[in-house]
Amino acid sequence: MNVSLTHFDLGPLFYGVVMFLGIAIMWWKLSTGRWLGLVVDVCVFALVFKLHGGTMAGGFAAMVAALLAGMILPMMIRR
């Protein structure tokens, strides 16, 4: 019989770290005047979050998509 009483799950910790990174990067962009990156972050997050129905998994997907888009799209637009 396999009895395990440990409830060790790193999912919420990873989710919290990504959420903190997203908020910290958006705050940095707001405070340094990087408006294009901030607008891209907010728009991508809102779009992906709405497409995924507002679930926790959708929020995580939206945060990751916004972080990636906020790093890559402004560089592509400036070229």
Protein backbone atom coordinates (compact mmCIF):
# COMPACT_ATOMS: atom_id res chain seq x y z
CA MET A 1 0.00 0.00 0.00
CA ASN A 2 1.40 3.35 -1.05
CA VAL A 3 0.46 5.99 1.52
CA SER A 4 1.94 9.41 1.02
CA LEU A 5 0.90 12.32 3.18
CA THR A 6 3.07 14.89 1.45
CA HIS A 7 1.29 17.50 -0.58
CA PHE A 8 4.29 18.91 -2.34
CA ASP A 9 3.27 20.94 -5.37
CA LEU A 10 5.48 23.59 -6.95
CA GLY A 11 2.73 24.84 -9.27
CA PRO A 12 1.46 27.68 -7.05
CA LEU A 13 5.02 28.78 -6.26
CA PHE A 14 5.91 28.91 -9.95
CA TYR A 15 2.63 30.72 -10.69
CA GLY A 16 3.43 33.32 -8.02
CA VAL A 17 6.96 33.89 -9.32
CA VAL A 18 5.69 34.43 -12.87
CA MET A 19 2.95 36.75 -11.58
CA PHE A 20 5.50 38.78 -9.61
CA LEU A 21 7.79 39.01 -12.63
CA GLY A 22 4.92 40.22 -14.80
CA ILE A 23 3.89 42.92 -12.34
CA ALA A 24 7.50 43.99 -11.68
CA ILE A 25 8.30 44.28 -15.39
CA MET A 26 5.11 46.24 -16.06
CA TRP A 27 5.93 48.59 -13.16
CA TRP A 28 9.47 49.06 -14.50
CA LYS A 29 8.11 49.87 -17.97
CA LEU A 30 5.63 52.33 -16.47
CA SER A 31 8.27 54.08 -14.37
CA THR A 32 10.85 54.33 -17.18
CA GLY A 33 8.41 55.46 -19.86
CA ARG A 34 8.57 52.42 -22.10
CA TRP A 35 4.99 52.93 -23.25
CA LEU A 36 5.03 50.62 -26.27
CA GLY A 37 6.14 47.62 -24.23
CA LEU A 38 3.62 48.42 -21.50
CA VAL A 39 0.75 48.69 -23.97
CA VAL A 40 1.78 45.42 -25.62
CA ASP A 41 1.92 43.68 -22.21
CA VAL A 42 -1.51 44.90 -21.16
CA CYS A 43 -3.20 44.20 -24.50
CA VAL A 44 -1.75 40.70 -24.89
CA PHE A 45 -2.61 39.83 -21.29
CA ALA A 46 -6.20 41.05 -21.67
CA LEU A 47 -6.69 39.25 -24.99
CA VAL A 48 -5.27 35.89 -23.88
CA PHE A 49 -7.00 36.05 -20.49
CA LYS A 50 -10.35 36.69 -22.17
CA LEU A 51 -9.77 33.93 -24.74
CA HIS A 52 -9.07 31.40 -21.98
CA GLY A 53 -12.23 32.26 -20.06
CA GLY A 54 -10.67 33.89 -17.01
CA THR A 55 -9.45 30.66 -15.40
CA MET A 56 -6.29 30.27 -13.34
CA ALA A 57 -4.63 28.36 -16.17
CA GLY A 58 -5.75 31.12 -18.54
CA GLY A 59 -4.23 33.74 -16.27
CA PHE A 60 -0.94 31.87 -16.23
CA ALA A 61 -0.98 31.52 -20.02
CA ALA A 62 -1.80 35.21 -20.34
CA MET A 63 1.08 36.22 -18.05
CA VAL A 64 3.61 34.13 -19.95
CA ALA A 65 2.32 35.36 -23.32
CA ALA A 66 2.44 38.99 -22.14
CA LEU A 67 6.00 38.61 -20.83
CA LEU A 68 7.20 37.11 -24.12
CA ALA A 69 5.29 39.56 -26.30
CA GLY A 70 6.45 42.52 -24.22
CA MET A 71 10.06 41.53 -24.81
CA ILE A 72 9.87 40.62 -28.50
CA LEU A 73 7.19 42.76 -30.18
CA PRO A 74 8.63 46.21 -29.30
CA MET A 75 11.98 45.18 -30.79
CA MET A 76 10.26 44.00 -33.97
CA ILE A 77 8.14 47.16 -34.27
CA ARG A 78 11.14 49.48 -33.88
CA ARG A 79 12.94 47.90 -36.86
